[in-house]
Amino acid sequence: MIAALDGRGFTRMAFDMQKIRDLMDVLGSPQRAYPSIHLTGTNGKTSTARMIDSLLRAHGLHTGRYTSPHLETVRERISLDGEPISEERLAAVYDEIAPLADLIDKRSAEPLTYFDMTTAMAYATFADAPVDIAVVEVGLGGEEDATNVLEAGVCVITPIGLDHTEWLGDTIEDIAWAKAGIIHHGATVISALQTEEAMRPLLERSASMGATVAREGSEFGVIRRDQAVGGQYLTLQGLGGVYDEVFLPLFGAHQAQNAAMALAAVEAFLGAGPEKQLDPEIVREGLSGVDSPGRLERVRSAPTILLDGAHNPHGMAATVTALEEEFAFRHLVVILAVMADKDASGLLELLEPVTAQLVVTQNSSPRSMPVDELAQEAIEIFGEDRVTVTQTMPDAIEEAVVLAEENTDGEHSGVAVLVTGSIVTVADARKLLKK
């Protein structure tokens, strides 16, 4: 089954909404069997989706969650009540859908993609479960993304920045228009704080769809955040009032922002507002149970090893801020591997002030930037004496740990290794380090 999925081209991009609509039709439109919350944006989608899922489950709802990409197994993409579906269930739903997908393929010059198939499998799984609500993250963009057959009642727009320009456009405004496509008639839109260039398309699309917009900094937001062991304590302004003493077991101001968006989205779905507040204890329970693998995830101690999937300058800026504010390592060794189509120089420039030594490598994706090319860009920014070049992830981890331990002086406190640059980079390292 996995081989058959991979045969559709794991990295192949094709934006043809008609094919996924046709597949949904022959499946009986499973995406109409439940209400949904749909998320798009440049960064923070998966973390926010996981927070929404946890909050909804704390309120006693059965949830389906669809996110991408995965770290270890495709089963992670399709979760029921917070847990990846079983291998047996995944195989069963694939066997149900594959013959119908083959029929759709015969009508088209281009077959359905890997992402089309996993999207259809998620929607069918949720309908079969059944779930009370689906939480769905777009794969890329919004308007022409396969997930957009949902026409969700609640839409969440995380911060929009420059990424995937080869598909979405060269400007923030172009990208925002693509992402605004998930806003459908009568929806409630929960938007992060955006630049004016990004906000204009969101508001214009919302107005044309008769959608209601709630904006961070106006209707909801983070009032206060305090560092805590294992995370942070938050005071959040929600649509229905103030929620204080909320523990979030994740680091960084960006995760606090994600929590505020998640809370507002759940309030909108459950009908909370100026006249009705959610139970603060249930909100605290929901957010205290969140995890977000691969997002400043600590996988080793002595020395500390963190994994973070930041892959564009907007995301890396948030990661660097969190490193400075909440960890303050005195000697940080960074392992970096990026995709060839990413802004490697932008990532390197953000990392340089907080990085003592850099180890460059390449990840397992066929789209990975060749290590020699990344090394050349790194040396221009870091200087040759701070850059170590390795060909594989195992070598990179071994080298980084040696470099970190050389600077411990017998004390591992304040010394760390960060693996970053891509979700695939994190996945490669996680497989080695979690053994």
Protein backbone atom coordinates (compact mmCIF):
# COMPACT_ATOMS: atom_id res chain seq x y z
CA MET A 1 0.00 0.00 0.00
CA ILE A 2 2.78 2.45 0.93
CA ALA A 3 4.64 1.52 -2.27
CA ALA A 4 1.49 2.20 -4.30
CA LEU A 5 1.14 5.61 -2.66
CA ASP A 6 4.80 6.42 -3.25
CA GLY A 7 4.33 5.43 -6.88
CA ARG A 8 2.13 8.49 -7.29
CA GLY A 9 5.16 10.69 -6.69
CA PHE A 10 5.71 11.78 -3.09
CA THR A 11 7.03 15.19 -4.17
CA ARG A 12 4.98 15.63 -7.35
CA MET A 13 2.97 18.87 -7.44
CA ALA A 14 -0.21 19.09 -9.52
CA PHE A 15 -3.04 21.50 -8.82
CA ASP A 16 -6.22 20.15 -10.38
CA MET A 17 -9.24 20.58 -8.13
CA GLN A 18 -11.54 18.81 -10.57
CA LYS A 19 -9.84 15.46 -10.03
CA ILE A 20 -10.16 15.56 -6.24
CA ARG A 21 -13.76 16.77 -6.59
CA ASP A 22 -14.51 13.84 -8.90
CA LEU A 23 -12.94 11.44 -6.42
CA MET A 24 -14.97 12.92 -3.56
CA ASP A 25 -18.13 12.57 -5.64
CA VAL A 26 -17.60 8.85 -6.33
CA LEU A 27 -16.80 8.34 -2.62
CA GLY A 28 -20.13 9.94 -1.68
CA SER A 29 -18.67 13.29 -0.52
CA PRO A 30 -17.32 12.12 2.86
CA GLN A 31 -16.04 15.64 3.62
CA ARG A 32 -19.69 16.74 4.00
CA ALA A 33 -20.33 14.27 6.83
CA TYR A 34 -18.87 16.52 9.56
CA PRO A 35 -18.08 20.19 10.24
CA SER A 36 -14.48 21.30 9.89
CA ILE A 37 -11.83 23.85 10.77
CA HIS A 38 -9.43 24.55 7.88
CA LEU A 39 -5.95 26.06 8.37
CA THR A 40 -3.59 27.81 5.99
CA GLY A 41 -0.69 30.26 6.30
CA THR A 42 3.09 30.13 5.87
CA ASN A 43 4.21 28.89 9.30
CA GLY A 44 2.60 27.47 12.42
CA LYS A 45 -0.19 25.48 10.75
CA THR A 46 0.64 22.07 12.19
CA SER A 47 1.25 23.32 15.74
CA THR A 48 -1.97 25.33 15.65
CA ALA A 49 -3.90 22.35 14.28
CA ARG A 50 -2.60 20.18 17.11
CA MET A 51 -3.67 22.80 19.65
CA ILE A 52 -7.16 23.06 18.11
CA ASP A 53 -7.44 19.27 18.17
CA SER A 54 -6.43 19.10 21.84
CA LEU A 55 -8.87 21.86 22.83
CA LEU A 56 -11.75 20.18 21.01
CA ARG A 57 -11.00 16.83 22.61
CA ALA A 58 -10.90 18.49 26.04
CA HIS A 59 -14.47 19.61 25.29
CA GLY A 60 -15.48 15.98 24.74
CA LEU A 61 -15.56 15.96 20.93
CA HIS A 62 -14.30 13.15 18.72
CA THR A 63 -11.79 14.68 16.32
CA GLY A 64 -10.12 13.88 13.04
CA ARG A 65 -6.90 15.75 12.23
CA TYR A 66 -5.12 15.90 8.87
CA THR A 67 -1.67 17.51 8.71
CA SER A 68 1.44 17.23 6.54
CA PRO A 69 4.20 16.41 6.01
CA HIS A 70 4.86 13.50 8.38
CA LEU A 71 8.02 12.85 10.39
CA GLU A 72 8.18 9.06 10.59
CA THR A 73 5.10 7.44 9.04
CA VAL A 74 2.28 8.51 6.74
CA ARG A 75 -0.11 7.39 9.50
CA GLU A 76 0.78 10.62 11.36
CA ARG A 77 -1.07 12.62 8.72
CA ILE A 78 -4.43 11.09 9.62
CA SER A 79 -5.25 11.14 13.34
CA LEU A 80 -8.38 10.12 15.22
CA ASP A 81 -8.83 11.59 18.70
CA GLY A 82 -5.21 12.70 18.71
CA GLU A 83 -3.65 9.37 17.69
CA PRO A 84 -2.34 8.31 14.25
CA ILE A 85 -4.57 5.72 12.62
CA SER A 86 -3.46 2.10 12.72
CA GLU A 87 -1.66 0.37 9.86
CA GLU A 88 -4.71 -1.87 9.40
CA ARG A 89 -7.10 1.07 9.13
CA LEU A 90 -4.81 2.91 6.75
CA ALA A 91 -4.53 -0.14 4.49
CA ALA A 92 -8.30 -0.72 4.57
CA VAL A 93 -9.18 2.83 3.54
CA TYR A 94 -6.54 2.77 0.80
CA ASP A 95 -7.96 -0.47 -0.58
CA GLU A 96 -11.39 1.15 -0.61
CA ILE A 97 -10.26 4.27 -2.46
CA ALA A 98 -7.58 2.96 -4.86
CA PRO A 99 -9.95 1.35 -7.44
CA LEU A 100 -12.03 4.53 -7.60
CA ALA A 101 -8.88 6.64 -7.93
CA ASP A 102 -7.80 4.45 -10.84
CA LEU A 103 -11.10 5.23 -12.57
CA ILE A 104 -10.51 8.97 -12.12
CA ASP A 105 -6.95 8.58 -13.43
CA LYS A 106 -8.18 7.02 -16.66
CA ARG A 107 -10.10 10.21 -17.48
CA SER A 108 -7.08 12.48 -17.05
CA ALA A 109 -3.63 12.89 -18.57
CA GLU A 110 -2.19 13.34 -15.05
CA PRO A 111 -2.93 10.83 -12.27
CA LEU A 112 -4.03 11.85 -8.80
CA THR A 113 -1.07 12.80 -6.61
CA TYR A 114 0.18 11.29 -3.35
CA PHE A 115 -1.33 14.27 -1.53
CA ASP A 116 -4.66 13.90 -3.34
CA MET A 117 -4.81 10.30 -2.17
CA THR A 118 -3.91 10.96 1.47
CA THR A 119 -6.45 13.80 1.54
CA ALA A 120 -9.19 11.52 0.23
CA MET A 121 -8.13 8.81 2.69
CA ALA A 122 -8.34 11.26 5.57
CA TYR A 123 -11.81 12.49 4.65
CA ALA A 124 -13.11 8.94 4.18
CA THR A 125 -11.57 7.84 7.49
CA PHE A 126 -13.19 10.74 9.34
CA ALA A 127 -16.61 9.99 7.87
CA ASP A 128 -16.29 6.31 8.71
CA ALA A 129 -15.12 6.86 12.32
CA PRO A 130 -17.30 9.00 12.61
CA VAL A 131 -15.81 12.23 13.98
CA ASP A 132 -17.62 15.22 15.43
CA ILE A 133 -15.25 17.63 13.68
CA ALA A 134 -12.24 17.55 11.35
CA VAL A 135 -9.20 19.80 11.77
CA VAL A 136 -7.47 20.07 8.39
CA GLU A 137 -4.22 21.75 7.38
CA VAL A 138 -3.71 22.70 3.74
CA GLY A 139 -0.79 21.14 1.94
CA LEU A 140 0.26 24.18 -0.09
CA GLY A 141 -1.50 27.49 -0.68
CA GLY A 142 -5.23 27.15 -0.28
CA GLU A 143 -7.49 27.89 -3.20
CA GLU A 144 -6.15 25.07 -5.41
CA ASP A 145 -5.10 22.76 -2.59
CA ALA A 146 -6.77 19.34 -2.56
CA THR A 147 -8.04 19.92 0.98
CA ASN A 148 -10.17 22.84 -0.22
CA VAL A 149 -13.10 20.60 -1.17
CA LEU A 150 -14.02 21.04 2.51
CA GLU A 151 -15.58 24.54 2.33
CA ALA A 152 -15.05 24.77 6.09
CA GLY A 153 -17.16 26.85 8.44
CA VAL A 154 -14.12 28.09 10.39
CA CYS A 155 -10.88 29.12 8.64
CA VAL A 156 -7.60 29.87 10.38
CA ILE A 157 -4.93 31.96 8.63
CA THR A 158 -1.54 31.82 10.34
CA PRO A 159 1.11 34.49 9.52
CA ILE A 160 1.76 34.79 5.79
CA GLY A 161 5.28 35.21 4.46
CA LEU A 162 7.26 34.46 1.31
CA ASP A 163 7.48 30.74 0.62
CA HIS A 164 6.67 28.39 -2.27
CA THR A 165 6.95 31.37 -4.61
CA GLU A 166 7.36 29.08 -7.62
CA TRP A 167 3.75 27.97 -7.14
CA LEU A 168 1.99 30.75 -5.23
CA GLY A 169 3.49 33.94 -6.62
CA ASP A 170 6.41 36.28 -6.03
CA THR A 171 4.73 38.72 -3.63
CA ILE A 172 3.06 38.50 -0.22
CA GLU A 173 -0.13 39.76 -1.84
CA ASP A 174 -0.14 36.98 -4.46
CA ILE A 175 0.47 34.36 -1.76
CA ALA A 176 -2.26 35.83 0.44
CA TRP A 177 -4.75 35.64 -2.43
CA ALA A 178 -3.91 31.97 -2.92
CA LYS A 179 -4.37 31.25 0.77
CA ALA A 180 -7.57 33.32 0.99
CA GLY A 181 -9.16 30.77 -1.31
CA ILE A 182 -10.09 28.57 1.68
CA ILE A 183 -12.58 31.25 2.79
CA HIS A 184 -16.04 30.21 1.62
CA HIS A 185 -19.56 31.61 2.00
CA GLY A 186 -20.52 32.48 5.57
CA ALA A 187 -17.27 31.26 7.15
CA THR A 188 -15.69 32.64 10.30
CA VAL A 189 -12.08 33.65 9.64
CA ILE A 190 -9.50 33.66 12.44
CA SER A 191 -6.44 35.59 11.25
CA ALA A 192 -3.05 36.07 12.83
CA LEU A 193 -1.49 39.51 12.82
CA GLN A 194 -0.63 40.11 9.15
CA THR A 195 1.18 42.75 7.14
CA GLU A 196 -1.10 45.16 5.27
CA GLU A 197 -0.07 43.47 2.01
CA ALA A 198 -1.29 40.11 3.31
CA MET A 199 -4.38 41.36 5.14
CA ARG A 200 -5.93 43.16 2.17
CA PRO A 201 -6.67 40.01 0.13
CA LEU A 202 -8.00 38.22 3.22
CA LEU A 203 -10.44 41.05 3.95
CA GLU A 204 -11.51 41.41 0.31
CA ARG A 205 -12.13 37.67 -0.02
CA SER A 206 -14.01 37.63 3.29
CA ALA A 207 -16.21 40.53 2.23
CA SER A 208 -17.06 38.86 -1.08
CA MET A 209 -17.95 35.62 0.73
CA GLY A 210 -19.94 37.25 3.51
CA ALA A 211 -17.44 35.86 6.00
CA THR A 212 -16.85 37.20 9.52
CA VAL A 213 -13.25 38.09 10.41
CA ALA A 214 -11.62 38.01 13.85
CA ARG A 215 -8.10 39.47 13.93
CA GLU A 216 -5.22 38.95 16.31
CA GLY A 217 -4.59 42.15 18.22
CA SER A 218 -8.21 43.20 17.89
CA GLU A 219 -10.67 40.45 18.79
CA PHE A 220 -8.12 38.04 20.33
CA GLY A 221 -4.44 37.73 21.17
CA VAL A 222 -1.73 37.12 23.75
CA ILE A 223 -1.95 39.45 26.73
CA ARG A 224 0.99 38.07 28.66
CA ARG A 225 3.47 35.22 28.54
CA ASP A 226 5.91 34.09 31.22
CA GLN A 227 8.65 31.49 30.87
CA ALA A 228 8.15 28.30 32.83
CA VAL A 229 9.89 24.96 33.23
CA GLY A 230 8.96 22.94 30.15
CA GLY A 231 7.07 25.73 28.41
CA GLN A 232 5.29 28.98 29.24
CA TYR A 233 2.32 30.39 31.14
CA LEU A 234 -0.07 32.50 29.08
CA THR A 235 -2.86 34.98 29.59
CA LEU A 236 -4.96 34.93 26.43
CA GLN A 237 -7.66 37.27 25.18
CA GLY A 238 -10.22 35.09 23.47
CA LEU A 239 -13.40 35.96 21.61
CA GLY A 240 -15.32 35.19 24.82
CA GLY A 241 -13.09 36.83 27.40
CA VAL A 242 -9.76 36.47 29.17
CA TYR A 243 -8.23 33.09 29.99
CA ASP A 244 -5.35 33.25 32.50
CA GLU A 245 -2.88 30.78 34.00
CA VAL A 246 -2.83 28.73 30.81
CA PHE A 247 0.21 26.44 30.68
CA LEU A 248 1.52 25.67 27.20
CA PRO A 249 4.27 23.00 27.11
CA LEU A 250 5.92 24.57 24.04
CA PHE A 251 8.51 27.30 23.70
CA GLY A 252 8.49 30.65 21.92
CA ALA A 253 6.31 33.69 21.33
CA HIS A 254 5.22 32.11 18.04
CA GLN A 255 3.72 29.16 19.91
CA ALA A 256 1.87 31.55 22.22
CA GLN A 257 0.47 33.23 19.10
CA ASN A 258 -0.54 29.82 17.76
CA ALA A 259 -2.32 29.10 21.03
CA ALA A 260 -4.29 32.34 20.79
CA MET A 261 -5.40 31.45 17.25
CA ALA A 262 -6.33 27.92 18.28
CA LEU A 263 -8.41 29.20 21.18
CA ALA A 264 -10.23 31.71 18.97
CA ALA A 265 -10.94 29.04 16.36
CA VAL A 266 -12.42 26.68 18.95
CA GLU A 267 -14.45 29.52 20.47
CA ALA A 268 -15.82 30.36 17.02
CA PHE A 269 -16.72 26.73 16.38
CA LEU A 270 -18.38 26.25 19.78
CA GLY A 271 -20.24 29.56 19.58
CA ALA A 272 -18.34 31.50 22.23
CA GLY A 273 -18.23 35.27 22.00
CA PRO A 274 -18.80 38.44 24.03
CA GLU A 275 -21.83 36.88 25.75
CA LYS A 276 -20.40 33.39 26.25
CA GLN A 277 -17.00 32.23 27.45
CA LEU A 278 -15.59 28.72 27.32
CA ASP A 279 -14.86 27.05 30.65
CA PRO A 280 -11.32 28.28 31.51
CA GLU A 281 -10.47 24.98 33.21
CA ILE A 282 -11.24 23.04 30.03
CA VAL A 283 -9.14 25.49 28.01
CA ARG A 284 -6.25 25.00 30.44
CA GLU A 285 -6.64 21.23 30.19
CA GLY A 286 -6.69 21.33 26.39
CA LEU A 287 -3.59 23.46 25.93
CA SER A 288 -1.58 21.80 28.68
CA GLY A 289 -1.83 18.50 26.80
CA VAL A 290 -0.41 19.75 23.50
CA ASP A 291 2.78 18.49 21.92
CA SER A 292 4.35 19.46 18.61
CA PRO A 293 7.04 17.01 17.44
CA GLY A 294 9.87 18.60 15.50
CA ARG A 295 9.19 22.11 16.81
CA LEU A 296 12.00 22.93 19.27
CA GLU A 297 11.62 19.34 20.43
CA ARG A 298 14.19 18.17 22.96
CA VAL A 299 15.28 14.61 22.11
CA ARG A 300 18.55 14.27 24.06
CA SER A 301 20.28 15.72 27.09
CA ALA A 302 23.99 16.08 27.94
CA PRO A 303 24.38 17.76 25.56
CA THR A 304 20.89 19.02 24.82
CA ILE A 305 19.78 18.20 21.26
CA LEU A 306 16.81 20.11 19.83
CA LEU A 307 14.95 19.47 16.58
CA ASP A 308 13.16 22.28 14.76
CA GLY A 309 11.59 22.15 11.31
CA ALA A 310 11.99 25.85 10.42
CA HIS A 311 12.52 25.95 6.65
CA ASN A 312 12.01 29.57 5.62
CA PRO A 313 13.24 32.93 7.00
CA HIS A 314 9.89 33.73 8.68
CA GLY A 315 9.93 30.45 10.59
CA MET A 316 13.64 30.61 11.37
CA ALA A 317 13.27 34.12 12.80
CA ALA A 318 10.72 32.76 15.29
CA THR A 319 13.02 29.86 16.18
CA VAL A 320 16.02 32.12 16.72
CA THR A 321 13.97 34.47 18.92
CA ALA A 322 12.86 31.52 21.06
CA LEU A 323 16.45 30.28 21.33
CA GLU A 324 17.64 33.69 22.52
CA GLU A 325 14.77 34.37 24.93
CA GLU A 326 14.08 30.96 26.42
CA PHE A 327 17.27 28.92 26.15
CA ALA A 328 20.18 31.39 25.97
CA PHE A 329 22.76 28.71 25.16
CA ARG A 330 26.33 29.89 25.57
CA HIS A 331 27.57 27.49 22.87
CA LEU A 332 25.17 26.32 20.18
CA VAL A 333 26.16 23.94 17.38
CA VAL A 334 23.69 23.91 14.48
CA ILE A 335 23.21 21.09 11.98
CA LEU A 336 21.64 22.47 8.81
CA ALA A 337 20.25 20.73 5.73
CA VAL A 338 17.76 22.49 3.45
CA MET A 339 15.77 21.92 0.30
CA ALA A 340 17.27 23.22 -2.94
CA ASP A 341 14.36 25.60 -3.57
CA LYS A 342 14.62 27.34 -0.18
CA ASP A 343 16.30 30.61 0.78
CA ALA A 344 19.42 29.07 2.32
CA SER A 345 21.20 32.41 2.66
CA GLY A 346 18.22 33.86 4.50
CA LEU A 347 18.27 30.97 6.97
CA LEU A 348 22.04 31.20 7.43
CA GLU A 349 21.97 34.94 8.09
CA LEU A 350 19.37 34.47 10.83
CA LEU A 351 21.29 31.60 12.44
CA GLU A 352 24.72 33.24 12.36
CA PRO A 353 24.39 35.50 15.46
CA VAL A 354 23.29 32.63 17.74
CA THR A 355 25.47 29.85 16.32
CA ALA A 356 28.98 29.10 17.55
CA GLN A 357 29.67 26.37 14.97
CA LEU A 358 27.73 25.14 11.95
CA VAL A 359 27.64 21.60 10.55
CA VAL A 360 26.18 21.43 7.04
CA THR A 361 24.85 18.26 5.47
CA GLN A 362 22.03 17.12 3.23
CA ASN A 363 18.81 15.27 4.03
CA SER A 364 17.25 12.20 2.45
CA SER A 365 14.94 14.07 0.07
CA PRO A 366 15.80 14.07 -3.65
CA ARG A 367 15.08 17.81 -3.45
CA SER A 368 17.79 18.39 -0.83
CA MET A 369 20.36 21.09 -1.60
CA PRO A 370 23.72 19.46 -2.39
CA VAL A 371 26.00 19.75 0.60
CA ASP A 372 28.82 21.44 -1.34
CA GLU A 373 26.45 24.14 -2.54
CA LEU A 374 25.10 24.74 0.98
CA ALA A 375 28.64 24.76 2.38
CA GLN A 376 29.68 27.47 -0.07
CA GLU A 377 26.82 29.73 1.02
CA ALA A 378 27.55 28.96 4.68
CA ILE A 379 31.24 29.84 4.43
CA GLU A 380 30.38 33.21 2.87
CA ILE A 381 28.29 34.08 5.93
CA PHE A 382 30.01 32.19 8.79
CA GLY A 383 33.61 32.07 7.61
CA GLU A 384 35.47 28.88 6.88
CA ASP A 385 36.65 28.25 10.45
CA ARG A 386 33.08 27.94 11.81
CA VAL A 387 31.73 25.57 9.14
CA THR A 388 32.12 21.79 9.12
CA VAL A 389 30.95 19.82 6.07
CA THR A 390 29.52 16.29 6.37
CA GLN A 391 27.89 14.12 3.72
CA THR A 392 25.29 12.31 5.84
CA MET A 393 23.06 12.96 8.84
CA PRO A 394 24.71 10.30 11.06
CA ASP A 395 28.10 11.94 10.43
CA ALA A 396 26.62 15.39 11.06
CA ILE A 397 25.17 14.38 14.43
CA GLU A 398 28.40 12.70 15.51
CA GLU A 399 30.46 15.73 14.50
CA ALA A 400 28.07 18.20 16.15
CA VAL A 401 28.07 16.31 19.45
CA VAL A 402 31.88 16.24 19.45
CA LEU A 403 31.99 19.99 18.79
CA ALA A 404 29.49 20.62 21.58
CA GLU A 405 31.28 18.41 24.11
CA GLU A 406 34.60 20.13 23.38
CA ASN A 407 33.04 23.23 24.91
CA THR A 408 31.42 21.74 28.00
CA ASP A 409 34.33 22.19 30.46
CA GLY A 410 32.82 19.25 32.30
CA GLU A 411 29.42 20.97 32.45
CA HIS A 412 26.80 20.36 29.78
CA SER A 413 24.68 23.31 30.94
CA GLY A 414 24.46 26.00 28.26
CA VAL A 415 25.76 23.77 25.45
CA ALA A 416 23.41 22.39 22.80
CA VAL A 417 22.95 21.04 19.29
CA LEU A 418 20.10 22.25 17.06
CA VAL A 419 19.05 20.26 13.97
CA THR A 420 17.04 22.42 11.57
CA GLY A 421 16.37 23.61 8.01
CA SER A 422 13.57 21.27 6.89
CA ILE A 423 10.95 18.87 8.20
CA VAL A 424 12.79 16.13 6.27
CA THR A 425 16.03 17.10 8.03
CA VAL A 426 14.27 16.80 11.39
CA ALA A 427 12.69 13.49 10.40
CA ASP A 428 16.08 12.06 9.40
CA ALA A 429 17.66 13.12 12.69
CA ARG A 430 14.66 12.01 14.76
CA LYS A 431 14.88 8.46 13.41
CA LEU A 432 18.51 8.27 14.55
CA LEU A 433 18.15 10.06 17.87
CA LYS A 434 14.91 8.48 19.08
CA LYS A 435 16.26 4.94 18.75
